[in-house]
Amino acid sequence: MSQDKNKSEKEKAFRFDLNTRFWRVSLTLLSTLLTFCGPYVVLVLFKALDLSYAISIVSGFIVFLAGLALMLFLIRRKVIS
């Protein structure tokens, strides 16, 4: 019985709490940066490395989608409203 109690306490200690102010602000900023700045940064980085334009556009679109997915996750979990 005490082992079950210790196990549940450990799970609570390692649980990722999205309702703290730090995580709400951090994840909201990350999703905003990925959505709006990410594609531009990828485009500039790939151009500086002299890589294909098509690859940079596809990579920028993937970063944009990652930002939108994170934003939808935060909205569904009611972290942001």
PDB file of N, CA and C in Angstrom:
ATOM      1  N   MET A   1       0.815  -1.181   0.000  1.00  0.00           N
ATOM      2  CA  MET A   1       0.000   0.000   0.000  1.00  0.00           C
ATOM      3  C   MET A   1       0.865   1.254   0.000  1.00  0.00           C
ATOM      4  N   SER A   2       1.913   1.232   0.792  1.00  0.00           N
ATOM      5  CA  SER A   2       2.782   2.410   0.857  1.00  0.00           C
ATOM      6  C   SER A   2       3.567   2.588  -0.437  1.00  0.00           C
ATOM      7  N   GLN A   3       3.845   1.476  -1.142  1.00  0.00           N
ATOM      8  CA  GLN A   3       4.552   1.581  -2.412  1.00  0.00           C
ATOM      9  C   GLN A   3       3.676   2.265  -3.453  1.00  0.00           C
ATOM     10  N   ASP A   4       2.377   1.959  -3.449  1.00  0.00           N
ATOM     11  CA  ASP A   4       1.453   2.611  -4.378  1.00  0.00           C
ATOM     12  C   ASP A   4       1.371   4.107  -4.099  1.00  0.00           C
ATOM     13  N   LYS A   5       1.382   4.450  -2.819  1.00  0.00           N
ATOM     14  CA  LYS A   5       1.323   5.857  -2.437  1.00  0.00           C
ATOM     15  C   LYS A   5       2.589   6.587  -2.869  1.00  0.00           C
ATOM     16  N   ASN A   6       3.754   5.958  -2.666  1.00  0.00           N
ATOM     17  CA  ASN A   6       5.018   6.570  -3.087  1.00  0.00           C
ATOM     18  C   ASN A   6       5.078   6.718  -4.607  1.00  0.00           C
ATOM     19  N   LYS A   7       4.553   5.721  -5.302  1.00  0.00           N
ATOM     20  CA  LYS A   7       4.561   5.771  -6.759  1.00  0.00           C
ATOM     21  C   LYS A   7       3.686   6.916  -7.269  1.00  0.00           C
ATOM     22  N   SER A   8       2.519   7.086  -6.675  1.00  0.00           N
ATOM     23  CA  SER A   8       1.645   8.174  -7.116  1.00  0.00           C
ATOM     24  C   SER A   8       2.240   9.543  -6.777  1.00  0.00           C
ATOM     25  N   GLU A   9       2.945   9.646  -5.670  1.00  0.00           N
ATOM     26  CA  GLU A   9       3.610  10.904  -5.325  1.00  0.00           C
ATOM     27  C   GLU A   9       4.730  11.214  -6.295  1.00  0.00           C
ATOM     28  N   LYS A  10       5.471  10.201  -6.727  1.00  0.00           N
ATOM     29  CA  LYS A  10       6.544  10.411  -7.702  1.00  0.00           C
ATOM     30  C   LYS A  10       5.974  10.834  -9.048  1.00  0.00           C
ATOM     31  N   GLU A  11       4.856  10.218  -9.439  1.00  0.00           N
ATOM     32  CA  GLU A  11       4.224  10.602 -10.701  1.00  0.00           C
ATOM     33  C   GLU A  11       3.752  12.045 -10.657  1.00  0.00           C
ATOM     34  N   LYS A  12       3.238  12.474  -9.543  1.00  0.00           N
ATOM     35  CA  LYS A  12       2.800  13.858  -9.401  1.00  0.00           C
ATOM     36  C   LYS A  12       3.988  14.811  -9.427  1.00  0.00           C
ATOM     37  N   ALA A  13       5.117  14.384  -8.869  1.00  0.00           N
ATOM     38  CA  ALA A  13       6.297  15.238  -8.831  1.00  0.00           C
ATOM     39  C   ALA A  13       6.876  15.442 -10.233  1.00  0.00           C
ATOM     40  N   PHE A  14       6.801  14.416 -11.069  1.00  0.00           N
ATOM     41  CA  PHE A  14       7.366  14.506 -12.407  1.00  0.00           C
ATOM     42  C   PHE A  14       6.342  14.930 -13.451  1.00  0.00           C
ATOM     43  N   ARG A  15       5.145  15.213 -13.026  1.00  0.00           N
ATOM     44  CA  ARG A  15       4.091  15.595 -13.954  1.00  0.00           C
ATOM     45  C   ARG A  15       4.344  16.998 -14.496  1.00  0.00           C
ATOM     46  N   PHE A  16       4.068  17.180 -15.751  1.00  0.00           N
ATOM     47  CA  PHE A  16       4.277  18.455 -16.429  1.00  0.00           C
ATOM     48  C   PHE A  16       3.026  19.297 -16.240  1.00  0.00           C
ATOM     49  N   ASP A  17       3.106  20.314 -15.391  1.00  0.00           N
ATOM     50  CA  ASP A  17       1.940  21.133 -15.072  1.00  0.00           C
ATOM     51  C   ASP A  17       1.878  22.334 -16.006  1.00  0.00           C
ATOM     52  N   LEU A  18       0.902  22.324 -16.906  1.00  0.00           N
ATOM     53  CA  LEU A  18       0.763  23.407 -17.878  1.00  0.00           C
ATOM     54  C   LEU A  18       0.079  24.627 -17.303  1.00  0.00           C
ATOM     55  N   ASN A  19      -0.466  24.531 -16.106  1.00  0.00           N
ATOM     56  CA  ASN A  19      -1.234  25.642 -15.562  1.00  0.00           C
ATOM     57  C   ASN A  19      -0.402  26.658 -14.797  1.00  0.00           C
ATOM     58  N   THR A  20       0.890  26.428 -14.684  1.00  0.00           N
ATOM     59  CA  THR A  20       1.714  27.442 -14.029  1.00  0.00           C
ATOM     60  C   THR A  20       1.927  28.601 -14.998  1.00  0.00           C
ATOM     61  N   ARG A  21       2.130  29.751 -14.458  1.00  0.00           N
ATOM     62  CA  ARG A  21       2.295  30.954 -15.285  1.00  0.00           C
ATOM     63  C   ARG A  21       3.515  30.832 -16.202  1.00  0.00           C
ATOM     64  N   PHE A  22       4.606  30.262 -15.694  1.00  0.00           N
ATOM     65  CA  PHE A  22       5.830  30.126 -16.483  1.00  0.00           C
ATOM     66  C   PHE A  22       5.587  29.300 -17.741  1.00  0.00           C
ATOM     67  N   TRP A  23       4.960  28.132 -17.602  1.00  0.00           N
ATOM     68  CA  TRP A  23       4.747  27.259 -18.755  1.00  0.00           C
ATOM     69  C   TRP A  23       3.716  27.833 -19.712  1.00  0.00           C
ATOM     70  N   ARG A  24       2.692  28.493 -19.185  1.00  0.00           N
ATOM     71  CA  ARG A  24       1.702  29.100 -20.081  1.00  0.00           C
ATOM     72  C   ARG A  24       2.344  30.159 -20.958  1.00  0.00           C
ATOM     73  N   VAL A  25       3.133  31.031 -20.353  1.00  0.00           N
ATOM     74  CA  VAL A  25       3.783  32.103 -21.114  1.00  0.00           C
ATOM     75  C   VAL A  25       4.828  31.532 -22.061  1.00  0.00           C
ATOM     76  N   SER A  26       5.648  30.607 -21.575  1.00  0.00           N
ATOM     77  CA  SER A  26       6.716  30.040 -22.398  1.00  0.00           C
ATOM     78  C   SER A  26       6.174  29.307 -23.616  1.00  0.00           C
ATOM     79  N   LEU A  27       5.177  28.458 -23.421  1.00  0.00           N
ATOM     80  CA  LEU A  27       4.634  27.693 -24.539  1.00  0.00           C
ATOM     81  C   LEU A  27       3.849  28.572 -25.513  1.00  0.00           C
ATOM     82  N   THR A  28       3.202  29.606 -25.004  1.00  0.00           N
ATOM     83  CA  THR A  28       2.507  30.537 -25.894  1.00  0.00           C
ATOM     84  C   THR A  28       3.506  31.312 -26.749  1.00  0.00           C
ATOM     85  N   LEU A  29       4.584  31.773 -26.141  1.00  0.00           N
ATOM     86  CA  LEU A  29       5.627  32.469 -26.910  1.00  0.00           C
ATOM     87  C   LEU A  29       6.291  31.552 -27.925  1.00  0.00           C
ATOM     88  N   LEU A  30       6.550  30.305 -27.524  1.00  0.00           N
ATOM     89  CA  LEU A  30       7.158  29.352 -28.447  1.00  0.00           C
ATOM     90  C   LEU A  30       6.251  29.094 -29.647  1.00  0.00           C
ATOM     91  N   SER A  31       4.973  28.897 -29.402  1.00  0.00           N
ATOM     92  CA  SER A  31       4.062  28.642 -30.522  1.00  0.00           C
ATOM     93  C   SER A  31       3.944  29.868 -31.425  1.00  0.00           C
ATOM     94  N   THR A  32       3.953  31.053 -30.844  1.00  0.00           N
ATOM     95  CA  THR A  32       3.891  32.274 -31.642  1.00  0.00           C
ATOM     96  C   THR A  32       5.155  32.447 -32.479  1.00  0.00           C
ATOM     97  N   LEU A  33       6.310  32.208 -31.874  1.00  0.00           N
ATOM     98  CA  LEU A  33       7.562  32.322 -32.624  1.00  0.00           C
ATOM     99  C   LEU A  33       7.655  31.286 -33.735  1.00  0.00           C
ATOM    100  N   LEU A  34       7.235  30.058 -33.455  1.00  0.00           N
ATOM    101  CA  LEU A  34       7.259  29.030 -34.495  1.00  0.00           C
ATOM    102  C   LEU A  34       6.317  29.379 -35.642  1.00  0.00           C
ATOM    103  N   THR A  35       5.166  29.923 -35.309  1.00  0.00           N
ATOM    104  CA  THR A  35       4.176  30.220 -36.340  1.00  0.00           C
ATOM    105  C   THR A  35       4.581  31.404 -37.204  1.00  0.00           C
ATOM    106  N   PHE A  36       5.035  32.470 -36.585  1.00  0.00           N
ATOM    107  CA  PHE A  36       5.272  33.698 -37.345  1.00  0.00           C
ATOM    108  C   PHE A  36       6.737  33.937 -37.724  1.00  0.00           C
ATOM    109  N   CYS A  37       7.680  33.589 -36.860  1.00  0.00           N
ATOM    110  CA  CYS A  37       9.091  33.840 -37.154  1.00  0.00           C
ATOM    111  C   CYS A  37       9.803  32.629 -37.736  1.00  0.00           C
ATOM    112  N   GLY A  38       9.309  31.446 -37.418  1.00  0.00           N
ATOM    113  CA  GLY A  38       9.972  30.212 -37.838  1.00  0.00           C
ATOM    114  C   GLY A  38      10.184  30.082 -39.329  1.00  0.00           C
ATOM    115  N   PRO A  39       9.158  30.273 -40.147  1.00  0.00           N
ATOM    116  CA  PRO A  39       9.361  30.137 -41.596  1.00  0.00           C
ATOM    117  C   PRO A  39      10.374  31.136 -42.162  1.00  0.00           C
ATOM    118  N   TYR A  40      10.366  32.349 -41.652  1.00  0.00           N
ATOM    119  CA  TYR A  40      11.330  33.352 -42.132  1.00  0.00           C
ATOM    120  C   TYR A  40      12.757  32.962 -41.755  1.00  0.00           C
ATOM    121  N   VAL A  41      12.945  32.516 -40.526  1.00  0.00           N
ATOM    122  CA  VAL A  41      14.276  32.130 -40.073  1.00  0.00           C
ATOM    123  C   VAL A  41      14.789  30.945 -40.877  1.00  0.00           C
ATOM    124  N   VAL A  42      13.927  29.986 -41.144  1.00  0.00           N
ATOM    125  CA  VAL A  42      14.331  28.824 -41.945  1.00  0.00           C
ATOM    126  C   VAL A  42      14.713  29.263 -43.356  1.00  0.00           C
ATOM    127  N   LEU A  43      13.932  30.150 -43.938  1.00  0.00           N
ATOM    128  CA  LEU A  43      14.225  30.636 -45.288  1.00  0.00           C
ATOM    129  C   LEU A  43      15.574  31.347 -45.336  1.00  0.00           C
ATOM    130  N   VAL A  44      15.830  32.229 -44.369  1.00  0.00           N
ATOM    131  CA  VAL A  44      17.094  32.962 -44.338  1.00  0.00           C
ATOM    132  C   VAL A  44      18.266  32.028 -44.069  1.00  0.00           C
ATOM    133  N   LEU A  45      18.093  31.079 -43.159  1.00  0.00           N
ATOM    134  CA  LEU A  45      19.160  30.134 -42.839  1.00  0.00           C
ATOM    135  C   LEU A  45      19.508  29.268 -44.039  1.00  0.00           C
ATOM    136  N   PHE A  46      18.510  28.765 -44.727  1.00  0.00           N
ATOM    137  CA  PHE A  46      18.781  27.924 -45.891  1.00  0.00           C
ATOM    138  C   PHE A  46      19.405  28.731 -47.018  1.00  0.00           C
ATOM    139  N   LYS A  47      19.010  29.997 -47.154  1.00  0.00           N
ATOM    140  CA  LYS A  47      19.615  30.837 -48.189  1.00  0.00           C
ATOM    141  C   LYS A  47      21.074  31.123 -47.851  1.00  0.00           C
ATOM    142  N   ALA A  48      21.363  31.353 -46.570  1.00  0.00           N
ATOM    143  CA  ALA A  48      22.746  31.595 -46.150  1.00  0.00           C
ATOM    144  C   ALA A  48      23.618  30.367 -46.365  1.00  0.00           C
ATOM    145  N   LEU A  49      23.034  29.194 -46.192  1.00  0.00           N
ATOM    146  CA  LEU A  49      23.776  27.953 -46.411  1.00  0.00           C
ATOM    147  C   LEU A  49      23.787  27.539 -47.878  1.00  0.00           C
ATOM    148  N   ASP A  50      23.145  28.328 -48.716  1.00  0.00           N
ATOM    149  CA  ASP A  50      23.094  28.109 -50.168  1.00  0.00           C
ATOM    150  C   ASP A  50      22.471  26.767 -50.523  1.00  0.00           C
ATOM    151  N   LEU A  51      21.346  26.474 -49.853  1.00  0.00           N
ATOM    152  CA  LEU A  51      20.604  25.250 -50.131  1.00  0.00           C
ATOM    153  C   LEU A  51      19.418  25.551 -51.026  1.00  0.00           C
ATOM    154  N   SER A  52      18.750  24.539 -51.452  1.00  0.00           N
ATOM    155  CA  SER A  52      17.651  24.661 -52.391  1.00  0.00           C
ATOM    156  C   SER A  52      16.508  25.502 -51.823  1.00  0.00           C
ATOM    157  N   TYR A  53      15.922  26.323 -52.689  1.00  0.00           N
ATOM    158  CA  TYR A  53      14.802  27.169 -52.289  1.00  0.00           C
ATOM    159  C   TYR A  53      13.576  26.332 -51.969  1.00  0.00           C
ATOM    160  N   ALA A  54      13.343  25.283 -52.725  1.00  0.00           N
ATOM    161  CA  ALA A  54      12.177  24.422 -52.501  1.00  0.00           C
ATOM    162  C   ALA A  54      12.255  23.738 -51.140  1.00  0.00           C
ATOM    163  N   ILE A  55      13.425  23.299 -50.760  1.00  0.00           N
ATOM    164  CA  ILE A  55      13.602  22.647 -49.452  1.00  0.00           C
ATOM    165  C   ILE A  55      13.355  23.651 -48.333  1.00  0.00           C
ATOM    166  N   SER A  56      13.794  24.881 -48.524  1.00  0.00           N
ATOM    167  CA  SER A  56      13.579  25.893 -47.486  1.00  0.00           C
ATOM    168  C   SER A  56      12.097  26.240 -47.340  1.00  0.00           C
ATOM    169  N   ILE A  57      11.371  26.275 -48.452  1.00  0.00           N
ATOM    170  CA  ILE A  57       9.936  26.557 -48.386  1.00  0.00           C
ATOM    171  C   ILE A  57       9.206  25.418 -47.667  1.00  0.00           C
ATOM    172  N   VAL A  58       9.541  24.192 -47.992  1.00  0.00           N
ATOM    173  CA  VAL A  58       8.901  23.038 -47.350  1.00  0.00           C
ATOM    174  C   VAL A  58       9.238  23.011 -45.860  1.00  0.00           C
ATOM    175  N   SER A  59      10.486  23.269 -45.519  1.00  0.00           N
ATOM    176  CA  SER A  59      10.896  23.282 -44.112  1.00  0.00           C
ATOM    177  C   SER A  59      10.202  24.411 -43.347  1.00  0.00           C
ATOM    178  N   GLY A  60      10.082  25.565 -43.963  1.00  0.00           N
ATOM    179  CA  GLY A  60       9.372  26.676 -43.332  1.00  0.00           C
ATOM    180  C   GLY A  60       7.910  26.356 -43.101  1.00  0.00           C
ATOM    181  N   PHE A  61       7.292  25.665 -44.052  1.00  0.00           N
ATOM    182  CA  PHE A  61       5.897  25.264 -43.906  1.00  0.00           C
ATOM    183  C   PHE A  61       5.731  24.256 -42.767  1.00  0.00           C
ATOM    184  N   ILE A  62       6.697  23.354 -42.620  1.00  0.00           N
ATOM    185  CA  ILE A  62       6.656  22.381 -41.521  1.00  0.00           C
ATOM    186  C   ILE A  62       6.783  23.085 -40.178  1.00  0.00           C
ATOM    187  N   VAL A  63       7.655  24.081 -40.086  1.00  0.00           N
ATOM    188  CA  VAL A  63       7.805  24.846 -38.839  1.00  0.00           C
ATOM    189  C   VAL A  63       6.521  25.610 -38.540  1.00  0.00           C
ATOM    190  N   PHE A  64       5.919  26.171 -39.563  1.00  0.00           N
ATOM    191  CA  PHE A  64       4.638  26.874 -39.411  1.00  0.00           C
ATOM    192  C   PHE A  64       3.557  25.934 -38.880  1.00  0.00           C
ATOM    193  N   LEU A  65       3.467  24.746 -39.442  1.00  0.00           N
ATOM    194  CA  LEU A  65       2.483  23.760 -38.983  1.00  0.00           C
ATOM    195  C   LEU A  65       2.764  23.312 -37.547  1.00  0.00           C
ATOM    196  N   ALA A  66       4.039  23.208 -37.175  1.00  0.00           N
ATOM    197  CA  ALA A  66       4.380  22.841 -35.796  1.00  0.00           C
ATOM    198  C   ALA A  66       3.905  23.915 -34.823  1.00  0.00           C
ATOM    199  N   GLY A  67       4.052  25.173 -35.205  1.00  0.00           N
ATOM    200  CA  GLY A  67       3.571  26.267 -34.367  1.00  0.00           C
ATOM    201  C   GLY A  67       2.062  26.249 -34.226  1.00  0.00           C
ATOM    202  N   LEU A  68       1.362  25.980 -35.332  1.00  0.00           N
ATOM    203  CA  LEU A  68      -0.100  25.886 -35.274  1.00  0.00           C
ATOM    204  C   LEU A  68      -0.555  24.695 -34.442  1.00  0.00           C
ATOM    205  N   ALA A  69       0.152  23.569 -34.566  1.00  0.00           N
ATOM    206  CA  ALA A  69      -0.204  22.379 -33.787  1.00  0.00           C
ATOM    207  C   ALA A  69      -0.026  22.635 -32.296  1.00  0.00           C
ATOM    208  N   LEU A  70       1.058  23.312 -31.933  1.00  0.00           N
ATOM    209  CA  LEU A  70       1.274  23.644 -30.529  1.00  0.00           C
ATOM    210  C   LEU A  70       0.200  24.606 -30.029  1.00  0.00           C
ATOM    211  N   MET A  71      -0.190  25.562 -30.849  1.00  0.00           N
ATOM    212  CA  MET A  71      -1.236  26.502 -30.463  1.00  0.00           C
ATOM    213  C   MET A  71      -2.572  25.779 -30.272  1.00  0.00           C
ATOM    214  N   LEU A  72      -2.907  24.869 -31.163  1.00  0.00           N
ATOM    215  CA  LEU A  72      -4.145  24.098 -31.020  1.00  0.00           C
ATOM    216  C   LEU A  72      -4.112  23.215 -29.775  1.00  0.00           C
ATOM    217  N   PHE A  73      -2.951  22.638 -29.492  1.00  0.00           N
ATOM    218  CA  PHE A  73      -2.803  21.834 -28.280  1.00  0.00           C
ATOM    219  C   PHE A  73      -3.058  22.676 -27.036  1.00  0.00           C
ATOM    220  N   LEU A  74      -2.497  23.871 -27.010  1.00  0.00           N
ATOM    221  CA  LEU A  74      -2.684  24.751 -25.859  1.00  0.00           C
ATOM    222  C   LEU A  74      -4.133  25.214 -25.719  1.00  0.00           C
ATOM    223  N   ILE A  75      -4.790  25.447 -26.829  1.00  0.00           N
ATOM    224  CA  ILE A  75      -6.193  25.863 -26.791  1.00  0.00           C
ATOM    225  C   ILE A  75      -7.080  24.721 -26.316  1.00  0.00           C
ATOM    226  N   ARG A  76      -6.838  23.519 -26.806  1.00  0.00           N
ATOM    227  CA  ARG A  76      -7.658  22.363 -26.395  1.00  0.00           C
ATOM    228  C   ARG A  76      -7.472  22.006 -24.929  1.00  0.00           C
ATOM    229  N   ARG A  77      -6.258  22.201 -24.401  1.00  0.00           N
ATOM    230  CA  ARG A  77      -6.002  21.934 -22.988  1.00  0.00           C
ATOM    231  C   ARG A  77      -6.435  23.085 -22.102  1.00  0.00           C
ATOM    232  N   LYS A  78      -6.990  24.120 -22.706  1.00  0.00           N
ATOM    233  CA  LYS A  78      -7.463  25.310 -22.011  1.00  0.00           C
ATOM    234  C   LYS A  78      -6.339  26.021 -21.246  1.00  0.00           C
ATOM    235  N   VAL A  79      -5.117  25.901 -21.774  1.00  0.00           N
ATOM    236  CA  VAL A  79      -3.985  26.638 -21.205  1.00  0.00           C
ATOM    237  C   VAL A  79      -4.114  28.099 -21.585  1.00  0.00           C
ATOM    238  N   ILE A  80      -4.513  28.337 -22.833  1.00  0.00           N
ATOM    239  CA  ILE A  80      -4.811  29.696 -23.289  1.00  0.00           C
ATOM    240  C   ILE A  80      -6.245  29.706 -23.767  1.00  0.00           C
ATOM    241  N   SER A  81      -6.872  30.840 -23.674  1.00  0.00           N
ATOM    242  CA  SER A  81      -8.278  30.904 -24.074  1.00  0.00           C
ATOM    243  C   SER A  81      -8.533  32.090 -24.991  1.00  0.00           C
TER     244      SER A  81
END
